[in-house]
Amino acid sequence: MMGHVAKKGWIIVLGLVLLASTGQAQAKELDAKNPIIMGYMNAFTGPATLLTTLEVPGIQLAVEEINSTGGILGRPLKLITRDDKLNPETGVREAKDLVVNEKVSWIHGCTSSGVARAVSAYMKGEKKIFATSVAKSEKLTADWGHRYFFRPTTNAEQEAVATARAAVKIFGPLKKLYNCSPDYEGGHASWRTFLAAYKKLVPDAVVVGEAWPKLGNQDFTANITAIMNSEAQLVFTCFYQTDILTLIKQSRSLGMDGKVAIAAIWGGFYDVVQKYNKDFYPQKTIAASHYPFWAMDTPASKAFVEKLKSKYNVLPSFSVNSYAFTKLMAKTINKVGSLDTEKVVDALEGAMMETPVGPIEIRACDHQSMWPFMVGLVGPVPGWDFYGPRDLVSVGKEAYPSCEDIAKLRKP
């Protein structure tokens, strides 16, 4: 199917440039000389460009639909983009330019949680709304959260808890655990959270080994051999993209694949599963996604997938979250009848965001969406030419920290 997202990246970026003129043409029926401006920041260059190309089509589609149905307050929505280069200092500089010089009403974006944290702190000082659909550190809506930050997607803590619960439900109470995750803060945090959630369900579970290869590791041979010698029953990993694909390939060649259960928390996102086929996919493996569109048989989801395919020649991933929140912003501003940030924030708190997976609450206490994480055993997907998680276990708001927990984390 649409397995060439990365190759389409330059087309999508070009589309952003053309979007302004397209939007202005549509907006002539509105107040074309007085657009409402939305900023978008992400990595348009460097190693994370793929994630940008997976998110941008959702914003493009939302802007087009908003402008074709009356705009915002009778004005067209205009999108201005900036490259944060995965660098916090660059991110803050570009955010400042968008706020001070471009007069944006809000900013969306950032793949890196480190960049998102820096931009979020700046936007807090400016009392401007900032939202992210990709940066996953739970601290963004917990310890570092504030009135002007919103996250219309899952976070790393909820994903780890959901994966632990699904692992027990799908595989049963396996007791010998092994971790093989990247050696950076996100990897360590995901493993800690998964282990704590798993041991609540299987108290006598024990860790028989841990491995911490670097991101971009090309040889997992020693790690796989150690796992096979450890008598592990379940391996947890939060490797992603090229790393998880390399791990799967080498585990197959060394004979581990299909013998040890694997919980690959980020092995079920579309940019990964599009590489799976009947000759190459992880056996006895659960993987997860916040939007496994291939397994969602609803009119809203089907319509969204078809729109992205027909207009941008891509299939959805993070675009679903950016699309939904951009539409929610337009709806909310029109509802309150003002661009006043304080009124908009008040209206967003507790709002239900319409999405292709159904209505999703934007929780008032931390502005974290209660988006579900869906986990399933990887296998053939009917109607598609890739393999992915199916027969899904959906875990939603019950896996997020409580508002009481959030309040404790935010105490000085």
Protein backbone atom coordinates (compact mmCIF):
# COMPACT_ATOMS: atom_id res chain seq x y z
CA MET A 1 0.00 0.00 0.00
CA MET A 2 1.33 3.47 0.88
CA GLY A 3 4.75 2.41 2.09
CA HIS A 4 6.77 5.32 0.83
CA VAL A 5 6.09 8.01 3.44
CA ALA A 6 9.70 9.12 3.71
CA LYS A 7 10.03 9.49 -0.05
CA LYS A 8 6.97 11.70 -0.05
CA GLY A 9 8.43 14.03 2.57
CA TRP A 10 9.68 16.64 0.12
CA ILE A 11 6.26 16.70 -1.52
CA ILE A 12 4.61 17.37 1.82
CA VAL A 13 7.05 20.13 2.72
CA LEU A 14 6.44 21.71 -0.69
CA GLY A 15 2.73 21.43 0.03
CA LEU A 16 3.21 23.56 3.12
CA VAL A 17 4.72 26.31 1.00
CA LEU A 18 1.84 26.14 -1.44
CA LEU A 19 -0.72 25.97 1.34
CA ALA A 20 -0.55 29.68 2.11
CA SER A 21 -1.49 30.71 -1.42
CA THR A 22 -4.18 28.02 -1.56
CA GLY A 23 -5.58 29.14 1.76
CA GLN A 24 -5.61 32.76 0.66
CA ALA A 25 -7.45 31.85 -2.52
CA GLN A 26 -10.12 30.10 -0.47
CA ALA A 27 -10.15 32.90 2.07
CA LYS A 28 -11.07 35.63 -0.43
CA GLU A 29 -14.65 34.86 0.49
CA LEU A 30 -13.64 35.41 4.10
CA ASP A 31 -11.47 38.26 5.38
CA ALA A 32 -8.40 37.47 3.29
CA LYS A 33 -6.45 40.47 4.52
CA ASN A 34 -6.83 39.48 8.15
CA PRO A 35 -5.94 35.77 8.58
CA ILE A 36 -5.64 33.96 11.87
CA ILE A 37 -2.15 32.52 11.98
CA MET A 38 -1.13 29.14 13.36
CA GLY A 39 2.54 28.26 13.82
CA TYR A 40 3.96 24.81 13.24
CA MET A 41 7.45 23.80 14.37
CA ASN A 42 9.28 20.55 13.81
CA ALA A 43 12.38 18.99 12.28
CA PHE A 44 12.23 19.74 8.56
CA THR A 45 15.87 18.69 8.26
CA GLY A 46 17.89 15.95 9.91
CA PRO A 47 17.07 12.44 11.21
CA ALA A 48 13.56 13.17 12.50
CA THR A 49 12.19 14.49 9.20
CA LEU A 50 10.17 11.30 8.72
CA LEU A 51 8.10 12.03 11.81
CA THR A 52 7.40 15.52 10.52
CA THR A 53 6.14 14.17 7.21
CA LEU A 54 3.88 11.78 9.12
CA GLU A 55 2.24 14.65 11.05
CA VAL A 56 2.03 17.53 8.58
CA PRO A 57 -0.73 16.13 6.32
CA GLY A 58 -3.16 16.18 9.23
CA ILE A 59 -2.63 19.89 9.75
CA GLN A 60 -2.85 20.57 6.03
CA LEU A 61 -6.16 18.72 5.83
CA ALA A 62 -7.55 20.48 8.89
CA VAL A 63 -6.61 23.94 7.57
CA GLU A 64 -8.24 23.15 4.25
CA GLU A 65 -11.45 21.93 5.87
CA ILE A 66 -11.61 24.85 8.29
CA ASN A 67 -11.21 27.40 5.52
CA SER A 68 -13.74 25.67 3.29
CA THR A 69 -16.38 25.81 6.03
CA GLY A 70 -16.21 29.43 7.13
CA GLY A 71 -12.76 29.76 8.65
CA ILE A 72 -12.33 31.05 12.19
CA LEU A 73 -14.36 34.09 13.22
CA GLY A 74 -14.94 34.77 9.52
CA ARG A 75 -11.19 34.80 8.83
CA PRO A 76 -9.01 32.23 7.06
CA LEU A 77 -6.59 30.11 9.02
CA LYS A 78 -3.03 30.50 7.72
CA LEU A 79 -0.19 28.13 8.54
CA ILE A 80 3.43 29.28 9.01
CA THR A 81 6.16 26.70 9.59
CA ARG A 82 9.58 26.74 11.23
CA ASP A 83 12.40 24.15 11.47
CA ASP A 84 13.38 23.54 15.11
CA LYS A 85 16.31 21.30 14.01
CA LEU A 86 15.70 19.10 17.09
CA ASN A 87 17.50 21.76 19.10
CA PRO A 88 15.94 23.46 22.17
CA GLU A 89 17.68 26.80 21.60
CA THR A 90 16.65 26.83 17.95
CA GLY A 91 13.12 25.86 18.95
CA VAL A 92 12.79 28.75 21.37
CA ARG A 93 14.26 31.19 18.84
CA GLU A 94 11.81 30.11 16.16
CA ALA A 95 8.89 30.13 18.59
CA LYS A 96 9.78 33.69 19.58
CA ASP A 97 9.86 34.72 15.92
CA LEU A 98 6.45 33.15 15.35
CA VAL A 99 4.95 34.90 18.38
CA VAL A 100 6.62 38.31 18.10
CA ASN A 101 6.93 38.81 14.36
CA GLU A 102 4.28 36.54 12.82
CA LYS A 103 1.69 37.16 15.55
CA VAL A 104 0.57 33.53 15.70
CA SER A 105 -2.43 32.67 17.83
CA TRP A 106 -0.97 29.30 18.82
CA ILE A 107 1.86 26.90 17.96
CA HIS A 108 1.71 23.17 17.29
CA GLY A 109 4.54 20.69 16.84
CA CYS A 110 7.92 19.38 18.09
CA THR A 111 9.06 15.77 17.96
CA SER A 112 11.71 16.03 20.67
CA SER A 113 10.47 16.23 24.25
CA GLY A 114 13.53 18.32 25.08
CA VAL A 115 12.64 20.88 22.42
CA ALA A 116 8.99 20.75 23.43
CA ARG A 117 9.92 21.46 27.06
CA ALA A 118 11.94 24.53 26.09
CA VAL A 119 9.25 25.86 23.75
CA SER A 120 6.55 25.11 26.31
CA ALA A 121 8.38 27.18 28.94
CA TYR A 122 8.68 30.09 26.52
CA MET A 123 5.00 29.89 25.56
CA LYS A 124 4.02 29.83 29.22
CA GLY A 125 5.79 33.15 29.69
CA GLU A 126 4.02 34.56 26.64
CA LYS A 127 0.65 33.12 27.72
CA LYS A 128 0.20 31.48 24.33
CA ILE A 129 -1.13 28.00 23.59
CA PHE A 130 1.36 25.34 22.57
CA ALA A 131 0.40 21.75 21.66
CA THR A 132 2.35 18.69 20.60
CA SER A 133 1.22 15.49 18.89
CA VAL A 134 4.56 13.65 18.88
CA ALA A 135 6.67 14.55 21.94
CA LYS A 136 5.80 11.85 24.48
CA SER A 137 7.54 12.57 27.80
CA GLU A 138 4.89 12.31 30.51
CA LYS A 139 6.58 15.22 32.29
CA LEU A 140 5.32 17.65 29.65
CA THR A 141 1.81 17.40 31.06
CA ALA A 142 2.87 16.46 34.59
CA ASP A 143 5.91 18.03 36.30
CA TRP A 144 6.47 20.60 33.52
CA GLY A 145 2.83 21.11 32.61
CA HIS A 146 1.04 24.46 32.77
CA ARG A 147 -2.09 26.30 31.73
CA TYR A 148 -1.03 26.89 28.11
CA PHE A 149 0.30 23.45 27.16
CA PHE A 150 -1.85 20.72 25.55
CA ARG A 151 -1.11 17.21 24.33
CA PRO A 152 -3.72 15.65 22.00
CA THR A 153 -2.04 12.23 21.95
CA THR A 154 -0.82 9.52 24.31
CA ASN A 155 2.23 9.91 26.53
CA ALA A 156 5.09 7.52 27.28
CA GLU A 157 3.87 6.63 30.78
CA GLN A 158 0.38 5.68 29.63
CA GLU A 159 1.80 3.70 26.72
CA ALA A 160 4.04 1.64 29.03
CA VAL A 161 1.22 0.93 31.48
CA ALA A 162 -1.12 -0.03 28.63
CA THR A 163 1.49 -2.37 27.14
CA ALA A 164 2.05 -4.08 30.51
CA ARG A 165 -1.66 -4.68 30.99
CA ALA A 166 -2.06 -5.97 27.46
CA ALA A 167 0.97 -8.27 27.82
CA VAL A 168 -0.58 -10.03 30.81
CA LYS A 169 -3.94 -10.28 29.08
CA ILE A 170 -2.53 -11.65 25.82
CA PHE A 171 0.40 -13.80 27.00
CA GLY A 172 -0.72 -14.60 30.53
CA PRO A 173 1.36 -14.02 33.70
CA LEU A 174 4.86 -14.71 32.38
CA LYS A 175 7.31 -14.38 35.24
CA LYS A 176 10.82 -14.10 33.76
CA LEU A 177 11.33 -10.64 32.25
CA TYR A 178 14.16 -9.17 30.21
CA ASN A 179 14.62 -5.60 29.04
CA CYS A 180 16.35 -4.58 25.82
CA SER A 181 15.80 -0.86 25.29
CA PRO A 182 17.81 2.17 24.13
CA ASP A 183 20.16 3.78 26.61
CA TYR A 184 18.60 7.22 26.97
CA GLU A 185 16.10 8.72 29.39
CA GLY A 186 13.04 7.72 27.37
CA GLY A 187 14.18 4.11 27.22
CA HIS A 188 14.90 3.91 30.95
CA ALA A 189 11.63 5.63 31.86
CA SER A 190 9.54 3.32 29.66
CA TRP A 191 11.12 0.21 31.14
CA ARG A 192 10.70 1.46 34.75
CA THR A 193 7.04 2.25 34.14
CA PHE A 194 6.34 -1.02 32.30
CA LEU A 195 8.02 -3.07 35.03
CA ALA A 196 6.15 -1.33 37.86
CA ALA A 197 2.80 -1.76 36.07
CA TYR A 198 3.55 -5.39 35.19
CA LYS A 199 4.53 -6.31 38.77
CA LYS A 200 1.26 -4.95 40.07
CA LEU A 201 -0.42 -7.63 37.98
CA VAL A 202 2.23 -10.34 38.38
CA PRO A 203 3.85 -9.66 41.79
CA ASP A 204 6.25 -12.60 41.60
CA ALA A 205 7.67 -11.57 38.22
CA VAL A 206 11.46 -11.24 38.24
CA VAL A 207 13.96 -9.48 35.98
CA VAL A 208 16.44 -12.01 34.58
CA GLY A 209 18.45 -9.51 32.58
CA GLU A 210 18.74 -6.01 31.14
CA ALA A 211 20.50 -4.62 28.07
CA TRP A 212 20.94 -0.98 27.09
CA PRO A 213 22.26 -0.67 23.52
CA LYS A 214 22.68 2.79 22.09
CA LEU A 215 20.21 4.28 19.64
CA GLY A 216 21.25 3.45 16.10
CA ASN A 217 22.86 0.17 17.16
CA GLN A 218 23.64 -2.05 14.18
CA ASP A 219 24.46 -5.30 15.97
CA PHE A 220 22.18 -6.85 18.59
CA THR A 221 23.86 -10.28 18.37
CA ALA A 222 25.32 -10.23 21.89
CA ASN A 223 22.05 -8.95 23.35
CA ILE A 224 19.94 -11.59 21.62
CA THR A 225 22.33 -14.36 22.66
CA ALA A 226 22.14 -13.16 26.27
CA ILE A 227 18.34 -13.14 26.14
CA MET A 228 18.25 -16.70 24.79
CA ASN A 229 20.63 -17.88 27.53
CA SER A 230 18.67 -16.15 30.30
CA GLU A 231 15.55 -18.31 30.06
CA ALA A 232 13.54 -15.12 29.70
CA GLN A 233 9.85 -15.61 28.92
CA LEU A 234 9.02 -12.00 28.00
CA VAL A 235 11.26 -9.31 26.52
CA PHE A 236 10.31 -5.65 26.72
CA THR A 237 11.71 -3.22 24.16
CA CYS A 238 11.03 0.39 23.26
CA PHE A 239 13.31 0.54 20.25
CA TYR A 240 11.65 2.27 17.31
CA GLN A 241 11.90 2.66 13.52
CA THR A 242 15.20 1.32 12.09
CA ASP A 243 16.37 0.01 15.47
CA ILE A 244 13.37 -2.25 16.09
CA LEU A 245 13.51 -3.53 12.51
CA THR A 246 17.20 -4.41 12.93
CA LEU A 247 16.46 -6.14 16.25
CA ILE A 248 13.69 -8.21 14.64
CA LYS A 249 15.84 -9.16 11.65
CA GLN A 250 18.71 -10.35 13.81
CA SER A 251 16.48 -12.18 16.29
CA ARG A 252 15.07 -14.14 13.35
CA SER A 253 18.50 -15.07 12.02
CA LEU A 254 19.66 -16.19 15.48
CA GLY A 255 16.58 -18.32 16.09
CA MET A 256 14.94 -16.32 18.90
CA ASP A 257 11.97 -15.03 16.93
CA GLY A 258 8.81 -16.92 17.88
CA LYS A 259 10.37 -18.62 20.91
CA VAL A 260 10.34 -15.74 23.39
CA ALA A 261 7.36 -13.42 23.84
CA ILE A 262 8.16 -9.80 23.03
CA ALA A 263 6.39 -6.61 24.07
CA ALA A 264 7.51 -4.07 21.46
CA ILE A 265 5.82 -0.95 22.76
CA TRP A 266 6.56 1.15 19.66
CA GLY A 267 6.65 -1.67 17.15
CA GLY A 268 3.10 -1.10 15.98
CA PHE A 269 3.16 2.44 14.60
CA TYR A 270 2.46 2.63 10.87
CA ASP A 271 5.94 3.85 9.93
CA VAL A 272 7.23 0.55 11.39
CA VAL A 273 4.52 -1.93 10.41
CA GLN A 274 4.57 -0.83 6.78
CA LYS A 275 7.90 -2.72 6.65
CA TYR A 276 6.31 -5.97 7.86
CA ASN A 277 5.12 -8.60 5.38
CA LYS A 278 4.52 -12.35 5.26
CA ASP A 279 8.26 -12.99 5.06
CA PHE A 280 9.32 -10.44 7.67
CA TYR A 281 7.40 -9.69 10.82
CA PRO A 282 8.02 -10.42 14.52
CA GLN A 283 6.54 -13.69 15.76
CA LYS A 284 4.96 -14.02 19.23
CA THR A 285 5.12 -10.25 19.57
CA ILE A 286 2.66 -7.68 20.83
CA ALA A 287 3.00 -4.17 19.46
CA ALA A 288 0.98 -1.03 19.90
CA SER A 289 -0.28 2.09 18.21
CA HIS A 290 -2.36 5.11 19.11
CA TYR A 291 -4.07 4.82 15.72
CA PRO A 292 -4.06 1.34 14.12
CA PHE A 293 -6.30 2.52 11.29
CA TRP A 294 -6.05 -0.86 9.58
CA ALA A 295 -8.06 -2.41 12.42
CA MET A 296 -10.63 0.37 12.85
CA ASP A 297 -13.84 -0.29 10.98
CA THR A 298 -15.67 2.97 11.65
CA PRO A 299 -17.03 5.52 9.13
CA ALA A 300 -15.01 8.36 10.68
CA SER A 301 -11.74 6.44 10.51
CA LYS A 302 -12.36 5.20 6.98
CA ALA A 303 -13.17 8.71 5.82
CA PHE A 304 -10.02 10.17 7.37
CA VAL A 305 -7.79 7.49 5.83
CA GLU A 306 -9.35 8.02 2.42
CA LYS A 307 -8.92 11.81 2.59
CA LEU A 308 -5.21 11.52 3.37
CA LYS A 309 -4.70 8.94 0.64
CA SER A 310 -6.54 10.91 -2.01
CA LYS A 311 -5.16 14.36 -1.16
CA TYR A 312 -1.59 13.65 -0.01
CA ASN A 313 -0.87 10.07 -1.06
CA VAL A 314 0.01 9.02 2.50
CA LEU A 315 -1.52 6.90 5.22
CA PRO A 316 -2.04 8.31 8.71
CA SER A 317 0.12 8.18 11.77
CA PHE A 318 0.66 11.24 13.99
CA SER A 319 -1.39 13.23 11.50
CA VAL A 320 -4.56 12.02 13.20
CA ASN A 321 -3.70 13.94 16.38
CA SER A 322 -2.60 17.18 14.71
CA TYR A 323 -5.73 17.07 12.53
CA ALA A 324 -8.06 16.58 15.49
CA PHE A 325 -6.53 19.30 17.65
CA THR A 326 -6.39 21.87 14.86
CA LYS A 327 -10.08 21.26 14.21
CA LEU A 328 -10.78 21.53 17.95
CA MET A 329 -8.95 24.87 18.14
CA ALA A 330 -11.06 26.28 15.31
CA LYS A 331 -14.26 24.97 16.87
CA THR A 332 -13.36 26.35 20.29
CA ILE A 333 -12.38 29.83 19.08
CA ASN A 334 -15.60 30.05 17.08
CA LYS A 335 -17.55 28.90 20.11
CA VAL A 336 -16.13 31.52 22.48
CA GLY A 337 -16.23 34.13 19.72
CA SER A 338 -12.79 35.44 20.54
CA LEU A 339 -9.05 34.86 20.16
CA ASP A 340 -8.59 35.70 23.83
CA THR A 341 -6.18 33.00 25.00
CA GLU A 342 -7.61 32.78 28.51
CA LYS A 343 -11.15 32.24 27.23
CA VAL A 344 -9.94 29.64 24.73
CA VAL A 345 -7.98 27.74 27.39
CA ASP A 346 -11.00 27.74 29.71
CA ALA A 347 -13.15 26.30 26.92
CA LEU A 348 -10.57 23.65 25.99
CA GLU A 349 -10.36 22.31 29.53
CA GLY A 350 -12.58 19.22 29.68
CA ALA A 351 -13.57 19.59 26.02
CA MET A 352 -14.34 16.52 23.91
CA MET A 353 -12.11 16.40 20.83
CA GLU A 354 -13.73 14.75 17.82
CA THR A 355 -11.29 12.27 16.28
CA PRO A 356 -11.31 9.32 13.87
CA VAL A 357 -11.11 7.03 16.91
CA GLY A 358 -14.11 8.68 18.58
CA PRO A 359 -14.58 11.55 21.06
CA ILE A 360 -11.49 12.10 23.24
CA GLU A 361 -11.51 14.15 26.45
CA ILE A 362 -8.93 16.90 26.97
CA ARG A 363 -8.57 16.48 30.72
CA ALA A 364 -8.93 19.76 32.60
CA CYS A 365 -6.31 19.11 35.29
CA ASP A 366 -3.33 18.63 32.98
CA HIS A 367 -4.54 19.19 29.39
CA GLN A 368 -3.53 15.61 28.56
CA SER A 369 -5.88 13.93 26.11
CA MET A 370 -7.33 10.62 27.28
CA TRP A 371 -6.32 9.03 23.99
CA PRO A 372 -6.26 5.20 24.16
CA PHE A 373 -3.26 3.04 23.34
CA MET A 374 -4.15 -0.10 21.40
CA VAL A 375 -2.07 -3.26 21.73
CA GLY A 376 -2.34 -6.52 19.83
CA LEU A 377 -0.48 -9.58 18.61
CA VAL A 378 1.30 -8.87 15.33
CA GLY A 379 -0.10 -10.81 12.40
CA PRO A 380 -1.60 -10.45 8.92
CA VAL A 381 -3.98 -7.52 8.58
CA PRO A 382 -7.01 -8.32 6.41
CA GLY A 383 -7.27 -6.00 3.42
CA TRP A 384 -3.70 -4.65 3.70
CA ASP A 385 -0.34 -5.85 2.44
CA PHE A 386 1.49 -5.46 5.76
CA TYR A 387 1.35 -7.19 9.13
CA GLY A 388 0.48 -5.31 12.28
CA PRO A 389 -1.14 -5.52 15.72
CA ARG A 390 -4.71 -6.81 15.57
CA ASP A 391 -7.38 -8.22 17.93
CA LEU A 392 -6.58 -5.14 19.93
CA VAL A 393 -6.65 -4.53 23.65
CA SER A 394 -7.54 -0.86 24.09
CA VAL A 395 -6.34 0.83 27.27
CA GLY A 396 -7.44 4.42 27.86
CA LYS A 397 -7.84 6.83 30.74
CA GLU A 398 -7.35 4.12 33.38
CA ALA A 399 -3.64 4.00 32.45
CA TYR A 400 -3.02 7.73 32.91
CA PRO A 401 -1.94 9.14 36.29
CA SER A 402 -4.77 10.62 38.32
CA CYS A 403 -5.35 14.34 38.69
CA GLU A 404 -4.32 13.93 42.33
CA ASP A 405 -0.98 12.50 41.18
CA ILE A 406 -0.54 15.39 38.75
CA ALA A 407 -1.17 17.92 41.52
CA LYS A 408 1.51 16.30 43.69
CA LEU A 409 4.03 16.35 40.85
CA ARG A 410 3.42 20.04 40.24
CA LYS A 411 3.88 21.15 43.83
CA PRO A 412 6.86 23.51 44.27
